[in-house]
Amino acid sequence: MSVYLHVTLEIHAAGLARFLAAMEETAVPILESEGWKLAGAFVQRTGRLGNVIDLWELDDFQHYDRGIQALSARPEFPAFKQVLEETVISETIVFANAASYMHPKP
């Protein structure tokens, strides 16, 4: 049974483009190669502008650890981490299960 990872990132307004590019060029390809499935990626238009919300589908809780370890072991990780340190204000990570009314069912 899948578990979902909901990540909300508060990004400095001036760093949003750099953050989005780093995610597209580095994090997403690496995590997808580890079997993570990006179910959705959103930039807020209301509320706190520039917040980024990612929704990932994982096999289980341990899949999260495996993906993070794989990402941090890559040679491109230090440059990616530098972008995060310069653009991310805060990050909230939430794990969730699919609701009974979700279609199609996982």
C-alpha atoms as a PDB file:
ATOM      1  CA  MET A   1       0.000   0.000   0.000  1.00  0.00           C
ATOM      2  CA  SER A   2       1.387   3.384  -1.008  1.00  0.00           C
ATOM      3  CA  VAL A   3       2.104   6.216   1.361  1.00  0.00           C
ATOM      4  CA  TYR A   4       1.970   9.833   0.238  1.00  0.00           C
ATOM      5  CA  LEU A   5       4.502  12.501   1.083  1.00  0.00           C
ATOM      6  CA  HIS A   6       3.135  16.063   1.161  1.00  0.00           C
ATOM      7  CA  VAL A   7       5.897  18.672   1.286  1.00  0.00           C
ATOM      8  CA  THR A   8       5.213  22.395   1.673  1.00  0.00           C
ATOM      9  CA  LEU A   9       8.187  24.672   1.117  1.00  0.00           C
ATOM     10  CA  GLU A  10       8.221  28.376   1.889  1.00  0.00           C
ATOM     11  CA  ILE A  11      10.566  29.946  -0.659  1.00  0.00           C
ATOM     12  CA  HIS A  12      12.197  33.390  -0.722  1.00  0.00           C
ATOM     13  CA  ALA A  13      10.401  35.286  -3.493  1.00  0.00           C
ATOM     14  CA  ALA A  14      13.666  36.192  -5.202  1.00  0.00           C
ATOM     15  CA  GLY A  15      14.801  32.563  -5.174  1.00  0.00           C
ATOM     16  CA  LEU A  16      11.708  30.872  -6.563  1.00  0.00           C
ATOM     17  CA  ALA A  17      13.028  30.471 -10.126  1.00  0.00           C
ATOM     18  CA  ARG A  18      16.342  29.015  -8.871  1.00  0.00           C
ATOM     19  CA  PHE A  19      14.516  26.621  -6.549  1.00  0.00           C
ATOM     20  CA  LEU A  20      12.154  25.402  -9.290  1.00  0.00           C
ATOM     21  CA  ALA A  21      15.038  24.892 -11.720  1.00  0.00           C
ATOM     22  CA  ALA A  22      17.047  22.923  -9.128  1.00  0.00           C
ATOM     23  CA  MET A  23      14.077  20.683  -8.398  1.00  0.00           C
ATOM     24  CA  GLU A  24      13.455  20.036 -12.100  1.00  0.00           C
ATOM     25  CA  GLU A  25      17.106  19.471 -13.008  1.00  0.00           C
ATOM     26  CA  THR A  26      18.349  17.578  -9.947  1.00  0.00           C
ATOM     27  CA  ALA A  27      15.921  16.380  -7.272  1.00  0.00           C
ATOM     28  CA  VAL A  28      13.012  15.146  -9.375  1.00  0.00           C
ATOM     29  CA  PRO A  29      15.071  13.018 -11.812  1.00  0.00           C
ATOM     30  CA  ILE A  30      17.088  11.446  -9.001  1.00  0.00           C
ATOM     31  CA  LEU A  31      14.083  10.711  -6.781  1.00  0.00           C
ATOM     32  CA  GLU A  32      12.085   9.349  -9.715  1.00  0.00           C
ATOM     33  CA  SER A  33      15.010   7.072 -10.582  1.00  0.00           C
ATOM     34  CA  GLU A  34      14.651   5.714  -7.032  1.00  0.00           C
ATOM     35  CA  GLY A  35      10.974   4.914  -7.657  1.00  0.00           C
ATOM     36  CA  TRP A  36       9.354   7.986  -6.107  1.00  0.00           C
ATOM     37  CA  LYS A  37       6.307   9.101  -8.144  1.00  0.00           C
ATOM     38  CA  LEU A  38       5.630  12.830  -8.344  1.00  0.00           C
ATOM     39  CA  ALA A  39       1.841  12.952  -8.095  1.00  0.00           C
ATOM     40  CA  GLY A  40       1.708  16.749  -8.121  1.00  0.00           C
ATOM     41  CA  ALA A  41       3.856  19.858  -7.868  1.00  0.00           C
ATOM     42  CA  PHE A  42       2.260  23.246  -7.267  1.00  0.00           C
ATOM     43  CA  VAL A  43       3.191  26.890  -6.684  1.00  0.00           C
ATOM     44  CA  GLN A  44       0.605  28.716  -4.558  1.00  0.00           C
ATOM     45  CA  ARG A  45      -1.283  31.612  -6.201  1.00  0.00           C
ATOM     46  CA  THR A  46      -3.132  32.664  -3.044  1.00  0.00           C
ATOM     47  CA  GLY A  47      -2.192  32.644   0.603  1.00  0.00           C
ATOM     48  CA  ARG A  48       1.565  32.931   0.991  1.00  0.00           C
ATOM     49  CA  LEU A  49       2.679  33.534  -2.583  1.00  0.00           C
ATOM     50  CA  GLY A  50       5.585  31.432  -3.742  1.00  0.00           C
ATOM     51  CA  ASN A  51       4.972  28.469  -1.463  1.00  0.00           C
ATOM     52  CA  VAL A  52       5.688  25.232  -3.284  1.00  0.00           C
ATOM     53  CA  ILE A  53       3.719  22.065  -2.586  1.00  0.00           C
ATOM     54  CA  ASP A  54       4.955  18.675  -3.758  1.00  0.00           C
ATOM     55  CA  LEU A  55       2.958  15.467  -3.473  1.00  0.00           C
ATOM     56  CA  TRP A  56       4.942  12.240  -3.887  1.00  0.00           C
ATOM     57  CA  GLU A  57       3.713   8.651  -3.920  1.00  0.00           C
ATOM     58  CA  LEU A  58       6.089   6.252  -2.150  1.00  0.00           C
ATOM     59  CA  ASP A  59       6.029   2.501  -1.592  1.00  0.00           C
ATOM     60  CA  ASP A  60       6.289   2.809   2.208  1.00  0.00           C
ATOM     61  CA  PHE A  61       7.918   4.923   4.925  1.00  0.00           C
ATOM     62  CA  GLN A  62      11.350   3.341   4.319  1.00  0.00           C
ATOM     63  CA  HIS A  63      11.159   4.433   0.676  1.00  0.00           C
ATOM     64  CA  TYR A  64      11.522   8.018   1.923  1.00  0.00           C
ATOM     65  CA  ASP A  65      14.816   7.211   3.644  1.00  0.00           C
ATOM     66  CA  ARG A  66      16.133   5.334   0.620  1.00  0.00           C
ATOM     67  CA  GLY A  67      15.333   8.254  -1.678  1.00  0.00           C
ATOM     68  CA  ILE A  68      16.926  10.864   0.577  1.00  0.00           C
ATOM     69  CA  GLN A  69      20.050   8.717   0.960  1.00  0.00           C
ATOM     70  CA  ALA A  70      20.300   8.270  -2.815  1.00  0.00           C
ATOM     71  CA  LEU A  71      19.858  12.002  -3.412  1.00  0.00           C
ATOM     72  CA  SER A  72      22.481  12.989  -0.838  1.00  0.00           C
ATOM     73  CA  ALA A  73      25.002  10.452  -2.223  1.00  0.00           C
ATOM     74  CA  ARG A  74      24.982  11.959  -5.724  1.00  0.00           C
ATOM     75  CA  PRO A  75      27.864  14.205  -6.832  1.00  0.00           C
ATOM     76  CA  GLU A  76      25.430  16.981  -7.791  1.00  0.00           C
ATOM     77  CA  PHE A  77      23.928  17.066  -4.284  1.00  0.00           C
ATOM     78  CA  PRO A  78      26.247  19.723  -2.754  1.00  0.00           C
ATOM     79  CA  ALA A  79      25.244  22.266  -5.436  1.00  0.00           C
ATOM     80  CA  PHE A  80      21.562  21.338  -4.996  1.00  0.00           C
ATOM     81  CA  LYS A  81      21.864  21.666  -1.214  1.00  0.00           C
ATOM     82  CA  GLN A  82      23.414  25.112  -1.655  1.00  0.00           C
ATOM     83  CA  VAL A  83      20.371  26.240  -3.666  1.00  0.00           C
ATOM     84  CA  LEU A  84      18.074  24.921  -0.916  1.00  0.00           C
ATOM     85  CA  GLU A  85      20.030  26.760   1.773  1.00  0.00           C
ATOM     86  CA  GLU A  86      19.775  30.015  -0.184  1.00  0.00           C
ATOM     87  CA  THR A  87      16.112  29.787  -1.210  1.00  0.00           C
ATOM     88  CA  VAL A  88      14.108  27.755   1.327  1.00  0.00           C
ATOM     89  CA  ILE A  89      12.762  29.535   4.411  1.00  0.00           C
ATOM     90  CA  SER A  90      10.955  26.517   5.872  1.00  0.00           C
ATOM     91  CA  GLU A  91       9.833  23.011   4.959  1.00  0.00           C
ATOM     92  CA  THR A  92       6.928  20.991   6.330  1.00  0.00           C
ATOM     93  CA  ILE A  93       6.800  17.260   5.621  1.00  0.00           C
ATOM     94  CA  VAL A  94       3.594  15.274   6.152  1.00  0.00           C
ATOM     95  CA  PHE A  95       2.981  11.577   5.448  1.00  0.00           C
ATOM     96  CA  ALA A  96      -0.571  10.528   4.541  1.00  0.00           C
ATOM     97  CA  ASN A  97      -2.597   7.573   3.316  1.00  0.00           C
ATOM     98  CA  ALA A  98      -5.109   7.727   0.476  1.00  0.00           C
ATOM     99  CA  ALA A  99      -8.639   8.568   1.597  1.00  0.00           C
ATOM    100  CA  SER A 100     -11.360   5.989   0.931  1.00  0.00           C
ATOM    101  CA  TYR A 101     -12.951   8.243  -1.703  1.00  0.00           C
ATOM    102  CA  MET A 102      -9.781   8.688  -3.784  1.00  0.00           C
ATOM    103  CA  HIS A 103     -10.132   7.370  -7.356  1.00  0.00           C
ATOM    104  CA  PRO A 104      -8.494   5.429  -8.759  1.00  0.00           C
ATOM    105  CA  LYS A 105      -7.595   3.574  -5.612  1.00  0.00           C
ATOM    106  CA  PRO A 106      -3.864   2.900  -5.164  1.00  0.00           C
END
